Amino acid sequence: MAKVELKQPIVAEISEAIKEAQSVVLVDYRGLTVEQDTNLRKELREAGVMYKVYKNTMMNFAFKGTDFEGLAPYLEGPSAVAISTTDATAPARILAKVAKDAKALEIKAGVVEGIVYDAQGMQAIASIPSREELISKLLGSIQSPITNFARVMNQLAEKGGAAACPAPAAEVVAEEAPAAEEVAAPAEETAAE
């Protein structure tokens, strides 16, 4: 069996994994302890991110002709790849978080939604909250004014409802202004004279 035939299934596996990928991140994993590597793999798996070590030549073949072809210059030295099909920022976010404790883990580069980023760019991507966090913040900011309004209304109700409220300005003006008949009467008297 030729070497090319042995390599084809691996290239096909990588190609299949990146076909629907929103992001692909390359890392240098040299120097990670077994415990650090295990924790990294666990966190990535829980986030739905595929993480695997492949030979650079295999990744290079799989990346050709795709959005990920721009990663070719970064395929030097030992490389692992983190691939996400659901959350574009998850691989970078998790890898950067783990790299804070595991100094040996180094993000080389990545592609997020078709754009190639170097290590610094990936650090910026890592600071973007997840989609769920952003939605939660949005809902919280929308809900806050409604909650405050409900709280004020509840306090008014507890103090006796409308009786506790000062009279609205329109009612105060109506009480002080003369009735329409009083204003019209002198005009009629003047016309009769």
C-alpha atoms as a PDB file:
ATOM      1  CA  MET A   1       0.000   0.000   0.000  1.00  0.00           C
ATOM      2  CA  ALA A   2       1.409   3.401  -0.976  1.00  0.00           C
ATOM      3  CA  LYS A   3       1.959   6.151   1.562  1.00  0.00           C
ATOM      4  CA  VAL A   4      -0.473   8.393  -0.305  1.00  0.00           C
ATOM      5  CA  GLU A   5      -3.274   5.857   0.184  1.00  0.00           C
ATOM      6  CA  LEU A   6      -2.580   5.784   3.918  1.00  0.00           C
ATOM      7  CA  LYS A   7      -2.694   9.580   4.117  1.00  0.00           C
ATOM      8  CA  GLN A   8      -5.951  10.028   2.193  1.00  0.00           C
ATOM      9  CA  PRO A   9      -8.279   8.960   5.058  1.00  0.00           C
ATOM     10  CA  ILE A  10      -6.569  11.415   7.432  1.00  0.00           C
ATOM     11  CA  VAL A  11      -6.821  14.286   4.936  1.00  0.00           C
ATOM     12  CA  ALA A  12     -10.473  13.346   4.314  1.00  0.00           C
ATOM     13  CA  GLU A  13     -11.120  13.359   8.089  1.00  0.00           C
ATOM     14  CA  ILE A  14      -9.666  16.861   8.438  1.00  0.00           C
ATOM     15  CA  SER A  15     -11.527  18.072   5.328  1.00  0.00           C
ATOM     16  CA  GLU A  16     -14.804  16.749   6.709  1.00  0.00           C
ATOM     17  CA  ALA A  17     -14.173  18.392  10.099  1.00  0.00           C
ATOM     18  CA  ILE A  18     -13.499  21.834   8.584  1.00  0.00           C
ATOM     19  CA  LYS A  19     -16.289  21.691   5.983  1.00  0.00           C
ATOM     20  CA  GLU A  20     -18.893  23.322   8.302  1.00  0.00           C
ATOM     21  CA  ALA A  21     -16.395  25.011  10.648  1.00  0.00           C
ATOM     22  CA  GLN A  22     -17.015  28.541  11.855  1.00  0.00           C
ATOM     23  CA  SER A  23     -13.503  28.670  13.269  1.00  0.00           C
ATOM     24  CA  VAL A  24     -10.248  26.734  13.206  1.00  0.00           C
ATOM     25  CA  VAL A  25      -7.398  27.533  15.606  1.00  0.00           C
ATOM     26  CA  LEU A  26      -3.843  26.184  15.442  1.00  0.00           C
ATOM     27  CA  VAL A  27      -1.857  25.779  18.654  1.00  0.00           C
ATOM     28  CA  ASP A  28       1.592  24.657  19.686  1.00  0.00           C
ATOM     29  CA  TYR A  29       1.001  22.226  22.533  1.00  0.00           C
ATOM     30  CA  ARG A  30       4.649  21.363  23.341  1.00  0.00           C
ATOM     31  CA  GLY A  31       5.410  21.365  27.025  1.00  0.00           C
ATOM     32  CA  LEU A  32       1.879  20.734  28.289  1.00  0.00           C
ATOM     33  CA  THR A  33       1.652  18.308  31.167  1.00  0.00           C
ATOM     34  CA  VAL A  34      -0.677  15.343  30.848  1.00  0.00           C
ATOM     35  CA  GLU A  35      -3.016  16.970  33.385  1.00  0.00           C
ATOM     36  CA  GLN A  36      -3.069  20.276  31.481  1.00  0.00           C
ATOM     37  CA  ASP A  37      -3.700  18.502  28.189  1.00  0.00           C
ATOM     38  CA  THR A  38      -6.494  16.424  29.729  1.00  0.00           C
ATOM     39  CA  ASN A  39      -8.162  19.533  31.195  1.00  0.00           C
ATOM     40  CA  LEU A  40      -7.829  21.373  27.874  1.00  0.00           C
ATOM     41  CA  ARG A  41      -9.394  18.514  25.932  1.00  0.00           C
ATOM     42  CA  LYS A  42     -12.221  18.240  28.482  1.00  0.00           C
ATOM     43  CA  GLU A  43     -13.085  21.968  28.308  1.00  0.00           C
ATOM     44  CA  LEU A  44     -13.007  21.967  24.513  1.00  0.00           C
ATOM     45  CA  ARG A  45     -15.145  18.821  24.307  1.00  0.00           C
ATOM     46  CA  GLU A  46     -17.741  20.324  26.704  1.00  0.00           C
ATOM     47  CA  ALA A  47     -17.957  23.381  24.442  1.00  0.00           C
ATOM     48  CA  GLY A  48     -18.482  21.188  21.369  1.00  0.00           C
ATOM     49  CA  VAL A  49     -15.015  21.930  19.973  1.00  0.00           C
ATOM     50  CA  MET A  50     -13.056  19.195  18.204  1.00  0.00           C
ATOM     51  CA  TYR A  51      -9.382  19.167  19.240  1.00  0.00           C
ATOM     52  CA  LYS A  52      -6.861  16.895  17.602  1.00  0.00           C
ATOM     53  CA  VAL A  53      -3.178  16.632  16.728  1.00  0.00           C
ATOM     54  CA  TYR A  54      -2.435  16.063  13.044  1.00  0.00           C
ATOM     55  CA  LYS A  55       0.724  16.206  10.984  1.00  0.00           C
ATOM     56  CA  ASN A  56       1.218  19.607   9.402  1.00  0.00           C
ATOM     57  CA  THR A  57       1.416  18.114   5.906  1.00  0.00           C
ATOM     58  CA  MET A  58      -1.988  16.445   6.378  1.00  0.00           C
ATOM     59  CA  MET A  59      -3.573  19.716   7.545  1.00  0.00           C
ATOM     60  CA  ASN A  60      -1.908  21.568   4.675  1.00  0.00           C
ATOM     61  CA  PHE A  61      -3.451  19.170   2.123  1.00  0.00           C
ATOM     62  CA  ALA A  62      -6.886  19.447   3.776  1.00  0.00           C
ATOM     63  CA  PHE A  63      -6.741  23.268   3.972  1.00  0.00           C
ATOM     64  CA  LYS A  64      -5.895  23.742   0.271  1.00  0.00           C
ATOM     65  CA  GLY A  65      -8.701  25.397  -1.652  1.00  0.00           C
ATOM     66  CA  THR A  66     -10.674  26.300   1.505  1.00  0.00           C
ATOM     67  CA  ASP A  67     -11.058  29.374   3.716  1.00  0.00           C
ATOM     68  CA  PHE A  68      -8.404  27.819   5.941  1.00  0.00           C
ATOM     69  CA  GLU A  69      -5.650  27.840   3.330  1.00  0.00           C
ATOM     70  CA  GLY A  70      -4.298  31.015   4.964  1.00  0.00           C
ATOM     71  CA  LEU A  71      -3.134  28.907   7.924  1.00  0.00           C
ATOM     72  CA  ALA A  72      -0.437  27.184   5.802  1.00  0.00           C
ATOM     73  CA  PRO A  73       2.377  29.574   6.870  1.00  0.00           C
ATOM     74  CA  TYR A  74       1.664  28.729  10.529  1.00  0.00           C
ATOM     75  CA  LEU A  75       1.992  24.972  10.031  1.00  0.00           C
ATOM     76  CA  GLU A  76       5.479  24.670  11.505  1.00  0.00           C
ATOM     77  CA  GLY A  77       6.516  22.646  14.506  1.00  0.00           C
ATOM     78  CA  PRO A  78       4.064  20.518  16.474  1.00  0.00           C
ATOM     79  CA  SER A  79       0.507  21.648  15.787  1.00  0.00           C
ATOM     80  CA  ALA A  80      -2.879  20.773  17.165  1.00  0.00           C
ATOM     81  CA  VAL A  81      -6.113  22.078  15.713  1.00  0.00           C
ATOM     82  CA  ALA A  82      -9.300  23.161  17.478  1.00  0.00           C
ATOM     83  CA  ILE A  83     -12.396  23.244  15.267  1.00  0.00           C
ATOM     84  CA  SER A  84     -15.828  24.609  16.111  1.00  0.00           C
ATOM     85  CA  THR A  85     -18.924  24.371  13.957  1.00  0.00           C
ATOM     86  CA  THR A  86     -21.268  26.099  16.413  1.00  0.00           C
ATOM     87  CA  ASP A  87     -19.496  28.931  18.276  1.00  0.00           C
ATOM     88  CA  ALA A  88     -16.941  30.929  16.285  1.00  0.00           C
ATOM     89  CA  THR A  89     -15.160  32.283  19.368  1.00  0.00           C
ATOM     90  CA  ALA A  90     -15.211  29.177  21.586  1.00  0.00           C
ATOM     91  CA  PRO A  91     -11.875  27.625  20.522  1.00  0.00           C
ATOM     92  CA  ALA A  92      -9.940  30.890  20.918  1.00  0.00           C
ATOM     93  CA  ARG A  93     -11.697  31.732  24.199  1.00  0.00           C
ATOM     94  CA  ILE A  94     -11.033  28.339  25.783  1.00  0.00           C
ATOM     95  CA  LEU A  95      -7.469  28.028  24.466  1.00  0.00           C
ATOM     96  CA  ALA A  96      -6.593  31.531  25.733  1.00  0.00           C
ATOM     97  CA  LYS A  97      -8.122  30.765  29.140  1.00  0.00           C
ATOM     98  CA  VAL A  98      -6.147  27.535  29.476  1.00  0.00           C
ATOM     99  CA  ALA A  99      -2.962  29.224  28.185  1.00  0.00           C
ATOM    100  CA  LYS A 100      -3.066  31.624  31.170  1.00  0.00           C
ATOM    101  CA  ASP A 101      -2.308  28.692  33.481  1.00  0.00           C
ATOM    102  CA  ALA A 102      -0.488  26.466  30.988  1.00  0.00           C
ATOM    103  CA  LYS A 103       2.188  28.843  29.688  1.00  0.00           C
ATOM    104  CA  ALA A 104       3.470  26.176  27.262  1.00  0.00           C
ATOM    105  CA  LEU A 105       0.250  26.334  25.226  1.00  0.00           C
ATOM    106  CA  GLU A 106       0.685  28.849  22.422  1.00  0.00           C
ATOM    107  CA  ILE A 107      -1.971  29.956  19.956  1.00  0.00           C
ATOM    108  CA  LYS A 108      -0.330  30.205  16.535  1.00  0.00           C
ATOM    109  CA  ALA A 109      -3.154  31.511  14.348  1.00  0.00           C
ATOM    110  CA  GLY A 110      -6.716  30.859  13.375  1.00  0.00           C
ATOM    111  CA  VAL A 111      -9.518  31.449  10.935  1.00  0.00           C
ATOM    112  CA  VAL A 112     -12.806  32.818  12.249  1.00  0.00           C
ATOM    113  CA  GLU A 113     -15.707  33.046   9.822  1.00  0.00           C
ATOM    114  CA  GLY A 114     -13.359  33.071   6.822  1.00  0.00           C
ATOM    115  CA  ILE A 115     -10.833  35.634   8.111  1.00  0.00           C
ATOM    116  CA  VAL A 116      -7.253  34.613   9.000  1.00  0.00           C
ATOM    117  CA  TYR A 117      -5.907  36.010  12.285  1.00  0.00           C
ATOM    118  CA  ASP A 118      -2.410  35.768  13.726  1.00  0.00           C
ATOM    119  CA  ALA A 119      -1.725  35.044  17.415  1.00  0.00           C
ATOM    120  CA  GLN A 120      -2.538  38.618  18.488  1.00  0.00           C
ATOM    121  CA  GLY A 121      -5.736  38.631  16.476  1.00  0.00           C
ATOM    122  CA  MET A 122      -6.780  35.383  18.083  1.00  0.00           C
ATOM    123  CA  GLN A 123      -6.188  36.911  21.529  1.00  0.00           C
ATOM    124  CA  ALA A 124      -8.610  39.696  20.581  1.00  0.00           C
ATOM    125  CA  ILE A 125     -11.142  37.109  19.358  1.00  0.00           C
ATOM    126  CA  ALA A 126     -10.718  35.254  22.669  1.00  0.00           C
ATOM    127  CA  SER A 127     -11.980  38.314  24.557  1.00  0.00           C
ATOM    128  CA  ILE A 128     -15.351  38.241  22.759  1.00  0.00           C
ATOM    129  CA  PRO A 129     -18.026  36.665  24.965  1.00  0.00           C
ATOM    130  CA  SER A 130     -19.945  33.637  23.746  1.00  0.00           C
ATOM    131  CA  ARG A 131     -23.205  34.085  21.867  1.00  0.00           C
ATOM    132  CA  GLU A 132     -25.155  32.912  24.927  1.00  0.00           C
ATOM    133  CA  GLU A 133     -23.406  35.483  27.151  1.00  0.00           C
ATOM    134  CA  LEU A 134     -24.142  38.279  24.674  1.00  0.00           C
ATOM    135  CA  ILE A 135     -27.813  37.282  24.435  1.00  0.00           C
ATOM    136  CA  SER A 136     -28.024  37.099  28.220  1.00  0.00           C
ATOM    137  CA  LYS A 137     -26.554  40.612  28.553  1.00  0.00           C
ATOM    138  CA  LEU A 138     -28.948  41.943  25.921  1.00  0.00           C
ATOM    139  CA  LEU A 139     -31.970  40.406  27.628  1.00  0.00           C
ATOM    140  CA  GLY A 140     -30.765  41.737  30.976  1.00  0.00           C
ATOM    141  CA  SER A 141     -30.476  45.259  29.618  1.00  0.00           C
ATOM    142  CA  ILE A 142     -33.936  45.036  28.044  1.00  0.00           C
ATOM    143  CA  GLN A 143     -35.464  43.529  31.165  1.00  0.00           C
ATOM    144  CA  SER A 144     -33.930  46.075  33.562  1.00  0.00           C
ATOM    145  CA  PRO A 145     -36.230  49.044  32.739  1.00  0.00           C
ATOM    146  CA  ILE A 146     -39.283  46.788  32.800  1.00  0.00           C
ATOM    147  CA  THR A 147     -38.246  45.402  36.184  1.00  0.00           C
ATOM    148  CA  ASN A 148     -37.700  48.916  37.556  1.00  0.00           C
ATOM    149  CA  PHE A 149     -41.115  50.051  36.269  1.00  0.00           C
ATOM    150  CA  ALA A 150     -42.780  47.018  37.852  1.00  0.00           C
ATOM    151  CA  ARG A 151     -40.984  47.714  41.143  1.00  0.00           C
ATOM    152  CA  VAL A 152     -42.215  51.350  41.199  1.00  0.00           C
ATOM    153  CA  MET A 153     -45.778  50.288  40.387  1.00  0.00           C
ATOM    154  CA  ASN A 154     -45.652  47.693  43.155  1.00  0.00           C
ATOM    155  CA  GLN A 155     -44.437  50.298  45.663  1.00  0.00           C
ATOM    156  CA  LEU A 156     -47.263  52.628  44.655  1.00  0.00           C
ATOM    157  CA  ALA A 157     -49.801  49.853  45.085  1.00  0.00           C
ATOM    158  CA  GLU A 158     -48.409  49.050  48.544  1.00  0.00           C
ATOM    159  CA  LYS A 159     -48.756  52.723  49.601  1.00  0.00           C
ATOM    160  CA  GLY A 160     -52.417  52.892  48.663  1.00  0.00           C
ATOM    161  CA  GLY A 161     -52.410  53.082  44.916  1.00  0.00           C
ATOM    162  CA  ALA A 162     -53.655  56.305  43.305  1.00  0.00           C
ATOM    163  CA  ALA A 163     -54.436  57.897  46.685  1.00  0.00           C
ATOM    164  CA  ALA A 164     -50.701  57.963  47.421  1.00  0.00           C
ATOM    165  CA  CYS A 165     -49.922  59.619  44.080  1.00  0.00           C
ATOM    166  CA  PRO A 166     -50.055  63.368  43.729  1.00  0.00           C
ATOM    167  CA  ALA A 167     -52.854  64.516  41.395  1.00  0.00           C
ATOM    168  CA  PRO A 168     -51.778  64.558  37.762  1.00  0.00           C
ATOM    169  CA  ALA A 169     -51.076  68.017  36.343  1.00  0.00           C
ATOM    170  CA  ALA A 170     -54.118  67.927  34.017  1.00  0.00           C
ATOM    171  CA  GLU A 171     -56.531  67.523  36.960  1.00  0.00           C
ATOM    172  CA  VAL A 172     -54.875  70.353  38.904  1.00  0.00           C
ATOM    173  CA  VAL A 173     -55.209  72.701  35.909  1.00  0.00           C
ATOM    174  CA  ALA A 174     -58.871  71.711  35.453  1.00  0.00           C
ATOM    175  CA  GLU A 175     -59.674  72.533  39.105  1.00  0.00           C
ATOM    176  CA  GLU A 176     -58.067  75.992  38.912  1.00  0.00           C
ATOM    177  CA  ALA A 177     -59.467  76.996  35.507  1.00  0.00           C
ATOM    178  CA  PRO A 178     -63.019  78.468  35.356  1.00  0.00           C
ATOM    179  CA  ALA A 179     -65.672  76.280  33.826  1.00  0.00           C
ATOM    180  CA  ALA A 180     -66.445  76.736  30.131  1.00  0.00           C
ATOM    181  CA  GLU A 181     -69.989  78.004  30.947  1.00  0.00           C
ATOM    182  CA  GLU A 182     -68.598  80.786  33.151  1.00  0.00           C
ATOM    183  CA  VAL A 183     -66.355  81.974  30.347  1.00  0.00           C
ATOM    184  CA  ALA A 184     -69.148  81.794  27.737  1.00  0.00           C
ATOM    185  CA  ALA A 185     -71.768  83.606  29.906  1.00  0.00           C
ATOM    186  CA  PRO A 186     -70.151  87.066  29.855  1.00  0.00           C
ATOM    187  CA  ALA A 187     -69.755  86.830  26.080  1.00  0.00           C
ATOM    188  CA  GLU A 188     -73.500  86.155  25.700  1.00  0.00           C
ATOM    189  CA  GLU A 189     -74.384  89.007  28.044  1.00  0.00           C
ATOM    190  CA  THR A 190     -72.282  91.405  26.009  1.00  0.00           C
ATOM    191  CA  ALA A 191     -74.019  90.289  22.816  1.00  0.00           C
ATOM    192  CA  ALA A 192     -77.500  90.805  24.365  1.00  0.00           C
ATOM    193  CA  GLU A 193     -76.725  94.391  25.365  1.00  0.00           C
END
